[in-house]
Amino acid sequence: MLHLKRVERVFKTAWFAKASKKAHIADEELCSAISQVKLGQADDLGGGVYKKRLGKNQYRSIVIAKGGRYWVYTYLFAKKDRANIDEGDLVLLRGLADV
């Protein structure tokens, strides 16, 4: 009998990669943050969308989860520039999580 290990993968969109590089957020921090999201240490926005703090609490990231196996960083914003995402953006992000 084969025992398959569940493989989890973390991705970032091209836009997010550019933004995180500019904000000096390393891939190691992104992977560590996903571990924290899985432990419930993030804001669950529903529909597979999470908001996670990054960069010594200076930035907020939006992460889309698919089946607990695939995690996609999609959006990054500075806390000083924007308090939160609006309802319209959230609807679009939930739609992406369904795909």
PDB file of N, CA and C in Angstrom:
ATOM      1  N   MET A   1       0.836  -1.174   0.000  1.00  0.00           N
ATOM      2  CA  MET A   1       0.000   0.000   0.000  1.00  0.00           C
ATOM      3  C   MET A   1       0.884   1.241   0.000  1.00  0.00           C
ATOM      4  N   LEU A   2       0.570   2.187  -0.860  1.00  0.00           N
ATOM      5  CA  LEU A   2       1.316   3.430  -0.931  1.00  0.00           C
ATOM      6  C   LEU A   2       0.720   4.469   0.009  1.00  0.00           C
ATOM      7  N   HIS A   3       1.579   5.155   0.678  1.00  0.00           N
ATOM      8  CA  HIS A   3       1.146   6.268   1.522  1.00  0.00           C
ATOM      9  C   HIS A   3       1.667   7.548   0.882  1.00  0.00           C
ATOM     10  N   LEU A   4       0.764   8.308   0.343  1.00  0.00           N
ATOM     11  CA  LEU A   4       1.152   9.544  -0.314  1.00  0.00           C
ATOM     12  C   LEU A   4       1.192  10.685   0.686  1.00  0.00           C
ATOM     13  N   LYS A   5       2.296  11.388   0.674  1.00  0.00           N
ATOM     14  CA  LYS A   5       2.418  12.566   1.531  1.00  0.00           C
ATOM     15  C   LYS A   5       1.709  13.728   0.855  1.00  0.00           C
ATOM     16  N   ARG A   6       0.947  14.441   1.612  1.00  0.00           N
ATOM     17  CA  ARG A   6       0.216  15.588   1.081  1.00  0.00           C
ATOM     18  C   ARG A   6       1.210  16.707   0.771  1.00  0.00           C
ATOM     19  N   VAL A   7       1.238  17.104  -0.467  1.00  0.00           N
ATOM     20  CA  VAL A   7       2.160  18.143  -0.909  1.00  0.00           C
ATOM     21  C   VAL A   7       1.443  19.490  -0.886  1.00  0.00           C
ATOM     22  N   GLU A   8       2.069  20.448  -0.260  1.00  0.00           N
ATOM     23  CA  GLU A   8       1.532  21.799  -0.227  1.00  0.00           C
ATOM     24  C   GLU A   8       2.471  22.695  -1.005  1.00  0.00           C
ATOM     25  N   ARG A   9       1.890  23.617  -1.761  1.00  0.00           N
ATOM     26  CA  ARG A   9       2.693  24.518  -2.569  1.00  0.00           C
ATOM     27  C   ARG A   9       2.249  25.947  -2.339  1.00  0.00           C
ATOM     28  N   VAL A  10       3.227  26.843  -2.328  1.00  0.00           N
ATOM     29  CA  VAL A  10       2.971  28.263  -2.130  1.00  0.00           C
ATOM     30  C   VAL A  10       3.405  28.992  -3.399  1.00  0.00           C
ATOM     31  N   PHE A  11       2.508  29.825  -3.912  1.00  0.00           N
ATOM     32  CA  PHE A  11       2.761  30.585  -5.126  1.00  0.00           C
ATOM     33  C   PHE A  11       2.574  32.069  -4.841  1.00  0.00           C
ATOM     34  N   LYS A  12       3.094  32.891  -5.746  1.00  0.00           N
ATOM     35  CA  LYS A  12       2.820  34.317  -5.690  1.00  0.00           C
ATOM     36  C   LYS A  12       2.619  34.791  -7.121  1.00  0.00           C
ATOM     37  N   THR A  13       1.676  35.707  -7.286  1.00  0.00           N
ATOM     38  CA  THR A  13       1.440  36.251  -8.615  1.00  0.00           C
ATOM     39  C   THR A  13       2.643  37.112  -9.002  1.00  0.00           C
ATOM     40  N   ALA A  14       2.767  37.405 -10.290  1.00  0.00           N
ATOM     41  CA  ALA A  14       3.868  38.246 -10.761  1.00  0.00           C
ATOM     42  C   ALA A  14       3.801  39.624 -10.100  1.00  0.00           C
ATOM     43  N   TRP A  15       2.581  40.169  -9.986  1.00  0.00           N
ATOM     44  CA  TRP A  15       2.424  41.463  -9.340  1.00  0.00           C
ATOM     45  C   TRP A  15       2.876  41.403  -7.889  1.00  0.00           C
ATOM     46  N   PHE A  16       2.457  40.338  -7.172  1.00  0.00           N
ATOM     47  CA  PHE A  16       2.825  40.201  -5.766  1.00  0.00           C
ATOM     48  C   PHE A  16       4.336  40.039  -5.628  1.00  0.00           C
ATOM     49  N   ALA A  17       4.954  39.277  -6.516  1.00  0.00           N
ATOM     50  CA  ALA A  17       6.406  39.066  -6.456  1.00  0.00           C
ATOM     51  C   ALA A  17       7.147  40.394  -6.546  1.00  0.00           C
ATOM     52  N   LYS A  18       6.701  41.256  -7.449  1.00  0.00           N
ATOM     53  CA  LYS A  18       7.327  42.563  -7.606  1.00  0.00           C
ATOM     54  C   LYS A  18       7.107  43.429  -6.364  1.00  0.00           C
ATOM     55  N   ALA A  19       5.884  43.427  -5.852  1.00  0.00           N
ATOM     56  CA  ALA A  19       5.555  44.237  -4.672  1.00  0.00           C
ATOM     57  C   ALA A  19       6.300  43.749  -3.429  1.00  0.00           C
ATOM     58  N   SER A  20       6.386  42.438  -3.249  1.00  0.00           N
ATOM     59  CA  SER A  20       7.071  41.904  -2.067  1.00  0.00           C
ATOM     60  C   SER A  20       8.576  42.147  -2.143  1.00  0.00           C
ATOM     61  N   LYS A  21       9.120  42.113  -3.342  1.00  0.00           N
ATOM     62  CA  LYS A  21      10.551  42.418  -3.505  1.00  0.00           C
ATOM     63  C   LYS A  21      10.816  43.875  -3.135  1.00  0.00           C
ATOM     64  N   LYS A  22       9.953  44.770  -3.592  1.00  0.00           N
ATOM     65  CA  LYS A  22      10.089  46.193  -3.278  1.00  0.00           C
ATOM     66  C   LYS A  22       9.955  46.440  -1.775  1.00  0.00           C
ATOM     67  N   ALA A  23       9.113  45.655  -1.104  1.00  0.00           N
ATOM     68  CA  ALA A  23       8.893  45.791   0.345  1.00  0.00           C
ATOM     69  C   ALA A  23       9.928  45.006   1.163  1.00  0.00           C
ATOM     70  N   HIS A  24      10.857  44.340   0.487  1.00  0.00           N
ATOM     71  CA  HIS A  24      11.915  43.552   1.141  1.00  0.00           C
ATOM     72  C   HIS A  24      11.350  42.411   1.998  1.00  0.00           C
ATOM     73  N   ILE A  25      10.358  41.731   1.459  1.00  0.00           N
ATOM     74  CA  ILE A  25       9.767  40.569   2.138  1.00  0.00           C
ATOM     75  C   ILE A  25      10.289  39.322   1.438  1.00  0.00           C
ATOM     76  N   ALA A  26      11.049  38.523   2.166  1.00  0.00           N
ATOM     77  CA  ALA A  26      11.714  37.342   1.601  1.00  0.00           C
ATOM     78  C   ALA A  26      10.746  36.166   1.473  1.00  0.00           C
ATOM     79  N   ASP A  27      11.068  35.258   0.560  1.00  0.00           N
ATOM     80  CA  ASP A  27      10.254  34.056   0.371  1.00  0.00           C
ATOM     81  C   ASP A  27      10.153  33.225   1.644  1.00  0.00           C
ATOM     82  N   GLU A  28      11.205  33.230   2.449  1.00  0.00           N
ATOM     83  CA  GLU A  28      11.172  32.482   3.709  1.00  0.00           C
ATOM     84  C   GLU A  28      10.076  33.012   4.633  1.00  0.00           C
ATOM     85  N   GLU A  29       9.910  34.331   4.662  1.00  0.00           N
ATOM     86  CA  GLU A  29       8.851  34.922   5.483  1.00  0.00           C
ATOM     87  C   GLU A  29       7.479  34.531   4.943  1.00  0.00           C
ATOM     88  N   LEU A  30       7.343  34.481   3.622  1.00  0.00           N
ATOM     89  CA  LEU A  30       6.072  34.103   3.018  1.00  0.00           C
ATOM     90  C   LEU A  30       5.707  32.660   3.368  1.00  0.00           C
ATOM     91  N   CYS A  31       6.672  31.765   3.296  1.00  0.00           N
ATOM     92  CA  CYS A  31       6.404  30.358   3.639  1.00  0.00           C
ATOM     93  C   CYS A  31       6.084  30.205   5.116  1.00  0.00           C
ATOM     94  N   SER A  32       6.800  30.920   5.953  1.00  0.00           N
ATOM     95  CA  SER A  32       6.530  30.887   7.389  1.00  0.00           C
ATOM     96  C   SER A  32       5.129  31.423   7.692  1.00  0.00           C
ATOM     97  N   ALA A  33       4.729  32.457   6.972  1.00  0.00           N
ATOM     98  CA  ALA A  33       3.403  33.044   7.175  1.00  0.00           C
ATOM     99  C   ALA A  33       2.294  32.050   6.828  1.00  0.00           C
ATOM    100  N   ILE A  34       2.503  31.231   5.806  1.00  0.00           N
ATOM    101  CA  ILE A  34       1.500  30.217   5.445  1.00  0.00           C
ATOM    102  C   ILE A  34       1.337  29.216   6.584  1.00  0.00           C
ATOM    103  N   SER A  35       2.434  28.838   7.215  1.00  0.00           N
ATOM    104  CA  SER A  35       2.342  27.944   8.382  1.00  0.00           C
ATOM    105  C   SER A  35       1.492  28.572   9.470  1.00  0.00           C
ATOM    106  N   GLN A  36       1.630  29.875   9.660  1.00  0.00           N
ATOM    107  CA  GLN A  36       0.834  30.586  10.666  1.00  0.00           C
ATOM    108  C   GLN A  36      -0.631  30.662  10.259  1.00  0.00           C
ATOM    109  N   VAL A  37      -0.886  30.866   8.965  1.00  0.00           N
ATOM    110  CA  VAL A  37      -2.269  30.896   8.474  1.00  0.00           C
ATOM    111  C   VAL A  37      -2.946  29.567   8.779  1.00  0.00           C
ATOM    112  N   LYS A  38      -2.240  28.468   8.543  1.00  0.00           N
ATOM    113  CA  LYS A  38      -2.805  27.135   8.790  1.00  0.00           C
ATOM    114  C   LYS A  38      -3.103  26.910  10.262  1.00  0.00           C
ATOM    115  N   LEU A  39      -2.407  27.632  11.135  1.00  0.00           N
ATOM    116  CA  LEU A  39      -2.652  27.528  12.578  1.00  0.00           C
ATOM    117  C   LEU A  39      -3.746  28.494  13.040  1.00  0.00           C
ATOM    118  N   GLY A  40      -4.328  29.221  12.112  1.00  0.00           N
ATOM    119  CA  GLY A  40      -5.397  30.152  12.459  1.00  0.00           C
ATOM    120  C   GLY A  40      -4.910  31.531  12.837  1.00  0.00           C
ATOM    121  N   GLN A  41      -3.644  31.834  12.569  1.00  0.00           N
ATOM    122  CA  GLN A  41      -3.076  33.129  12.935  1.00  0.00           C
ATOM    123  C   GLN A  41      -3.136  34.097  11.753  1.00  0.00           C
ATOM    124  N   ALA A  42      -4.339  34.284  11.233  1.00  0.00           N
ATOM    125  CA  ALA A  42      -4.607  35.210  10.129  1.00  0.00           C
ATOM    126  C   ALA A  42      -6.088  35.551  10.167  1.00  0.00           C
ATOM    127  N   ASP A  43      -6.446  36.582   9.445  1.00  0.00           N
ATOM    128  CA  ASP A  43      -7.860  36.947   9.346  1.00  0.00           C
ATOM    129  C   ASP A  43      -8.493  36.142   8.224  1.00  0.00           C
ATOM    130  N   ASP A  44      -9.467  35.304   8.571  1.00  0.00           N
ATOM    131  CA  ASP A  44     -10.198  34.516   7.581  1.00  0.00           C
ATOM    132  C   ASP A  44     -11.307  35.390   7.019  1.00  0.00           C
ATOM    133  N   LEU A  45     -11.175  35.752   5.739  1.00  0.00           N
ATOM    134  CA  LEU A  45     -12.160  36.616   5.089  1.00  0.00           C
ATOM    135  C   LEU A  45     -13.257  35.814   4.399  1.00  0.00           C
ATOM    136  N   GLY A  46     -13.204  34.506   4.535  1.00  0.00           N
ATOM    137  CA  GLY A  46     -14.225  33.630   3.976  1.00  0.00           C
ATOM    138  C   GLY A  46     -13.945  33.236   2.539  1.00  0.00           C
ATOM    139  N   GLY A  47     -14.462  32.089   2.150  1.00  0.00           N
ATOM    140  CA  GLY A  47     -14.335  31.627   0.777  1.00  0.00           C
ATOM    141  C   GLY A  47     -12.924  31.286   0.343  1.00  0.00           C
ATOM    142  N   GLY A  48     -12.061  30.927   1.271  1.00  0.00           N
ATOM    143  CA  GLY A  48     -10.686  30.588   0.933  1.00  0.00           C
ATOM    144  C   GLY A  48      -9.768  31.791   0.801  1.00  0.00           C
ATOM    145  N   VAL A  49     -10.182  32.938   1.341  1.00  0.00           N
ATOM    146  CA  VAL A  49      -9.379  34.159   1.271  1.00  0.00           C
ATOM    147  C   VAL A  49      -8.945  34.535   2.687  1.00  0.00           C
ATOM    148  N   TYR A  50      -7.639  34.829   2.831  1.00  0.00           N
ATOM    149  CA  TYR A  50      -7.077  35.177   4.131  1.00  0.00           C
ATOM    150  C   TYR A  50      -6.275  36.468   4.023  1.00  0.00           C
ATOM    151  N   LYS A  51      -6.247  37.208   5.117  1.00  0.00           N
ATOM    152  CA  LYS A  51      -5.395  38.395   5.215  1.00  0.00           C
ATOM    153  C   LYS A  51      -4.343  38.101   6.273  1.00  0.00           C
ATOM    154  N   LYS A  52      -3.078  38.250   5.910  1.00  0.00           N
ATOM    155  CA  LYS A  52      -1.970  37.942   6.818  1.00  0.00           C
ATOM    156  C   LYS A  52      -1.011  39.120   6.885  1.00  0.00           C
ATOM    157  N   ARG A  53      -0.580  39.441   8.090  1.00  0.00           N
ATOM    158  CA  ARG A  53       0.383  40.518   8.307  1.00  0.00           C
ATOM    159  C   ARG A  53       1.787  40.038   7.935  1.00  0.00           C
ATOM    160  N   LEU A  54       2.539  40.932   7.307  1.00  0.00           N
ATOM    161  CA  LEU A  54       3.910  40.635   6.902  1.00  0.00           C
ATOM    162  C   LEU A  54       4.803  41.836   7.176  1.00  0.00           C
ATOM    163  N   GLY A  55       6.101  41.629   7.016  1.00  0.00           N
ATOM    164  CA  GLY A  55       7.044  42.742   7.098  1.00  0.00           C
ATOM    165  C   GLY A  55       6.995  43.494   8.403  1.00  0.00           C
ATOM    166  N   LYS A  56       7.132  42.777   9.506  1.00  0.00           N
ATOM    167  CA  LYS A  56       7.106  43.385  10.845  1.00  0.00           C
ATOM    168  C   LYS A  56       5.847  44.217  11.062  1.00  0.00           C
ATOM    169  N   ASN A  57       4.732  43.677  10.587  1.00  0.00           N
ATOM    170  CA  ASN A  57       3.404  44.267  10.766  1.00  0.00           C
ATOM    171  C   ASN A  57       3.201  45.563   9.970  1.00  0.00           C
ATOM    172  N   GLN A  58       4.062  45.827   8.989  1.00  0.00           N
ATOM    173  CA  GLN A  58       3.913  47.031   8.178  1.00  0.00           C
ATOM    174  C   GLN A  58       3.042  46.786   6.950  1.00  0.00           C
ATOM    175  N   TYR A  59       2.896  45.527   6.545  1.00  0.00           N
ATOM    176  CA  TYR A  59       2.172  45.188   5.327  1.00  0.00           C
ATOM    177  C   TYR A  59       1.089  44.156   5.613  1.00  0.00           C
ATOM    178  N   ARG A  60       0.100  44.134   4.718  1.00  0.00           N
ATOM    179  CA  ARG A  60      -0.955  43.120   4.753  1.00  0.00           C
ATOM    180  C   ARG A  60      -0.931  42.404   3.418  1.00  0.00           C
ATOM    181  N   SER A  61      -1.037  41.094   3.480  1.00  0.00           N
ATOM    182  CA  SER A  61      -1.091  40.309   2.249  1.00  0.00           C
ATOM    183  C   SER A  61      -2.435  39.615   2.170  1.00  0.00           C
ATOM    184  N   ILE A  62      -2.879  39.394   0.944  1.00  0.00           N
ATOM    185  CA  ILE A  62      -4.090  38.632   0.700  1.00  0.00           C
ATOM    186  C   ILE A  62      -3.656  37.303   0.088  1.00  0.00           C
ATOM    187  N   VAL A  63      -4.080  36.223   0.726  1.00  0.00           N
ATOM    188  CA  VAL A  63      -3.710  34.877   0.305  1.00  0.00           C
ATOM    189  C   VAL A  63      -4.974  34.116  -0.058  1.00  0.00           C
ATOM    190  N   ILE A  64      -4.924  33.430  -1.190  1.00  0.00           N
ATOM    191  CA  ILE A  64      -6.035  32.577  -1.606  1.00  0.00           C
ATOM    192  C   ILE A  64      -5.614  31.137  -1.372  1.00  0.00           C
ATOM    193  N   ALA A  65      -6.470  30.370  -0.709  1.00  0.00           N
ATOM    194  CA  ALA A  65      -6.189  28.967  -0.422  1.00  0.00           C
ATOM    195  C   ALA A  65      -7.093  28.090  -1.267  1.00  0.00           C
ATOM    196  N   LYS A  66      -6.531  27.038  -1.783  1.00  0.00           N
ATOM    197  CA  LYS A  66      -7.318  26.087  -2.564  1.00  0.00           C
ATOM    198  C   LYS A  66      -7.109  24.701  -1.972  1.00  0.00           C
ATOM    199  N   GLY A  67      -8.127  24.196  -1.320  1.00  0.00           N
ATOM    200  CA  GLY A  67      -8.093  22.846  -0.772  1.00  0.00           C
ATOM    201  C   GLY A  67      -7.040  22.608   0.285  1.00  0.00           C
ATOM    202  N   GLY A  68      -6.500  23.670   0.863  1.00  0.00           N
ATOM    203  CA  GLY A  68      -5.472  23.506   1.880  1.00  0.00           C
ATOM    204  C   GLY A  68      -4.161  22.989   1.325  1.00  0.00           C
ATOM    205  N   ARG A  69      -4.067  22.872   0.004  1.00  0.00           N
ATOM    206  CA  ARG A  69      -2.841  22.358  -0.620  1.00  0.00           C
ATOM    207  C   ARG A  69      -2.112  23.420  -1.426  1.00  0.00           C
ATOM    208  N   TYR A  70      -2.853  24.366  -1.940  1.00  0.00           N
ATOM    209  CA  TYR A  70      -2.272  25.413  -2.769  1.00  0.00           C
ATOM    210  C   TYR A  70      -2.572  26.764  -2.143  1.00  0.00           C
ATOM    211  N   TRP A  71      -1.560  27.571  -1.991  1.00  0.00           N
ATOM    212  CA  TRP A  71      -1.678  28.885  -1.378  1.00  0.00           C
ATOM    213  C   TRP A  71      -1.095  29.897  -2.356  1.00  0.00           C
ATOM    214  N   VAL A  72      -1.862  30.924  -2.672  1.00  0.00           N
ATOM    215  CA  VAL A  72      -1.420  31.906  -3.662  1.00  0.00           C
ATOM    216  C   VAL A  72      -1.479  33.304  -3.047  1.00  0.00           C
ATOM    217  N   TYR A  73      -0.304  33.931  -2.955  1.00  0.00           N
ATOM    218  CA  TYR A  73      -0.247  35.325  -2.541  1.00  0.00           C
ATOM    219  C   TYR A  73      -0.674  36.170  -3.734  1.00  0.00           C
ATOM    220  N   THR A  74      -1.709  36.988  -3.541  1.00  0.00           N
ATOM    221  CA  THR A  74      -2.255  37.741  -4.669  1.00  0.00           C
ATOM    222  C   THR A  74      -2.127  39.255  -4.532  1.00  0.00           C
ATOM    223  N   TYR A  75      -2.127  39.768  -3.321  1.00  0.00           N
ATOM    224  CA  TYR A  75      -2.149  41.214  -3.155  1.00  0.00           C
ATOM    225  C   TYR A  75      -1.377  41.600  -1.907  1.00  0.00           C
ATOM    226  N   LEU A  76      -0.698  42.731  -1.972  1.00  0.00           N
ATOM    227  CA  LEU A  76       0.081  43.242  -0.844  1.00  0.00           C
ATOM    228  C   LEU A  76      -0.167  44.741  -0.742  1.00  0.00           C
ATOM    229  N   PHE A  77      -0.412  45.215   0.474  1.00  0.00           N
ATOM    230  CA  PHE A  77      -0.579  46.653   0.663  1.00  0.00           C
ATOM    231  C   PHE A  77      -0.001  47.059   2.008  1.00  0.00           C
ATOM    232  N   ALA A  78       0.468  48.299   2.039  1.00  0.00           N
ATOM    233  CA  ALA A  78       1.025  48.845   3.272  1.00  0.00           C
ATOM    234  C   ALA A  78      -0.106  49.255   4.205  1.00  0.00           C
ATOM    235  N   LYS A  79       0.064  48.939   5.459  1.00  0.00           N
ATOM    236  CA  LYS A  79      -0.954  49.281   6.458  1.00  0.00           C
ATOM    237  C   LYS A  79      -1.192  50.791   6.493  1.00  0.00           C
ATOM    238  N   LYS A  80      -0.156  51.573   6.288  1.00  0.00           N
ATOM    239  CA  LYS A  80      -0.289  53.034   6.338  1.00  0.00           C
ATOM    240  C   LYS A  80      -1.050  53.597   5.139  1.00  0.00           C
ATOM    241  N   ASP A  81      -1.093  52.838   4.029  1.00  0.00           N
ATOM    242  CA  ASP A  81      -1.744  53.313   2.809  1.00  0.00           C
ATOM    243  C   ASP A  81      -3.206  52.896   2.686  1.00  0.00           C
ATOM    244  N   ARG A  82      -3.537  51.784   3.295  1.00  0.00           N
ATOM    245  CA  ARG A  82      -4.893  51.245   3.130  1.00  0.00           C
ATOM    246  C   ARG A  82      -5.268  50.434   4.366  1.00  0.00           C
ATOM    247  N   ALA A  83      -6.439  50.680   4.905  1.00  0.00           N
ATOM    248  CA  ALA A  83      -6.870  49.980   6.114  1.00  0.00           C
ATOM    249  C   ALA A  83      -7.286  48.544   5.814  1.00  0.00           C
ATOM    250  N   ASN A  84      -7.981  48.352   4.688  1.00  0.00           N
ATOM    251  CA  ASN A  84      -8.498  47.031   4.372  1.00  0.00           C
ATOM    252  C   ASN A  84      -8.900  47.004   2.897  1.00  0.00           C
ATOM    253  N   ILE A  85      -9.335  45.847   2.429  1.00  0.00           N
ATOM    254  CA  ILE A  85      -9.865  45.746   1.076  1.00  0.00           C
ATOM    255  C   ILE A  85     -11.374  45.936   1.145  1.00  0.00           C
ATOM    256  N   ASP A  86     -11.947  46.422   0.060  1.00  0.00           N
ATOM    257  CA  ASP A  86     -13.394  46.675   0.086  1.00  0.00           C
ATOM    258  C   ASP A  86     -14.176  45.418  -0.306  1.00  0.00           C
ATOM    259  N   GLU A  87     -15.473  45.481  -0.118  1.00  0.00           N
ATOM    260  CA  GLU A  87     -16.348  44.312  -0.351  1.00  0.00           C
ATOM    261  C   GLU A  87     -16.304  43.852  -1.806  1.00  0.00           C
ATOM    262  N   GLY A  88     -16.236  44.779  -2.742  1.00  0.00           N
ATOM    263  CA  GLY A  88     -16.171  44.416  -4.155  1.00  0.00           C
ATOM    264  C   GLY A  88     -14.917  43.616  -4.481  1.00  0.00           C
ATOM    265  N   ASP A  89     -13.778  44.050  -3.934  1.00  0.00           N
ATOM    266  CA  ASP A  89     -12.526  43.302  -4.126  1.00  0.00           C
ATOM    267  C   ASP A  89     -12.617  41.918  -3.502  1.00  0.00           C
ATOM    268  N   LEU A  90     -13.244  41.850  -2.348  1.00  0.00           N
ATOM    269  CA  LEU A  90     -13.376  40.575  -1.652  1.00  0.00           C
ATOM    270  C   LEU A  90     -14.208  39.576  -2.460  1.00  0.00           C
ATOM    271  N   VAL A  91     -15.263  40.046  -3.091  1.00  0.00           N
ATOM    272  CA  VAL A  91     -16.093  39.186  -3.937  1.00  0.00           C
ATOM    273  C   VAL A  91     -15.250  38.620  -5.085  1.00  0.00           C
ATOM    274  N   LEU A  92     -14.446  39.475  -5.711  1.00  0.00           N
ATOM    275  CA  LEU A  92     -13.572  39.020  -6.801  1.00  0.00           C
ATOM    276  C   LEU A  92     -12.541  38.002  -6.320  1.00  0.00           C
ATOM    277  N   LEU A  93     -11.965  38.250  -5.147  1.00  0.00           N
ATOM    278  CA  LEU A  93     -10.974  37.317  -4.611  1.00  0.00           C
ATOM    279  C   LEU A  93     -11.593  35.962  -4.278  1.00  0.00           C
ATOM    280  N   ARG A  94     -12.794  35.984  -3.724  1.00  0.00           N
ATOM    281  CA  ARG A  94     -13.487  34.710  -3.443  1.00  0.00           C
ATOM    282  C   ARG A  94     -13.777  33.955  -4.730  1.00  0.00           C
ATOM    283  N   GLY A  95     -14.091  34.701  -5.792  1.00  0.00           N
ATOM    284  CA  GLY A  95     -14.295  34.065  -7.094  1.00  0.00           C
ATOM    285  C   GLY A  95     -13.037  33.400  -7.598  1.00  0.00           C
ATOM    286  N   LEU A  96     -11.880  34.043  -7.394  1.00  0.00           N
ATOM    287  CA  LEU A  96     -10.605  33.446  -7.774  1.00  0.00           C
ATOM    288  C   LEU A  96     -10.335  32.169  -6.980  1.00  0.00           C
ATOM    289  N   ALA A  97     -10.703  32.179  -5.710  1.00  0.00           N
ATOM    290  CA  ALA A  97     -10.471  31.004  -4.861  1.00  0.00           C
ATOM    291  C   ALA A  97     -11.307  29.813  -5.342  1.00  0.00           C
ATOM    292  N   ASP A  98     -12.445  30.089  -5.976  1.00  0.00           N
ATOM    293  CA  ASP A  98     -13.303  29.009  -6.483  1.00  0.00           C
ATOM    294  C   ASP A  98     -12.734  28.357  -7.728  1.00  0.00           C
ATOM    295  N   VAL A  99     -11.882  29.076  -8.454  1.00  0.00           N
ATOM    296  CA  VAL A  99     -11.358  28.574  -9.726  1.00  0.00           C
ATOM    297  C   VAL A  99     -10.361  27.455  -9.510  1.00  0.00           C
TER     298      VAL A  99
END
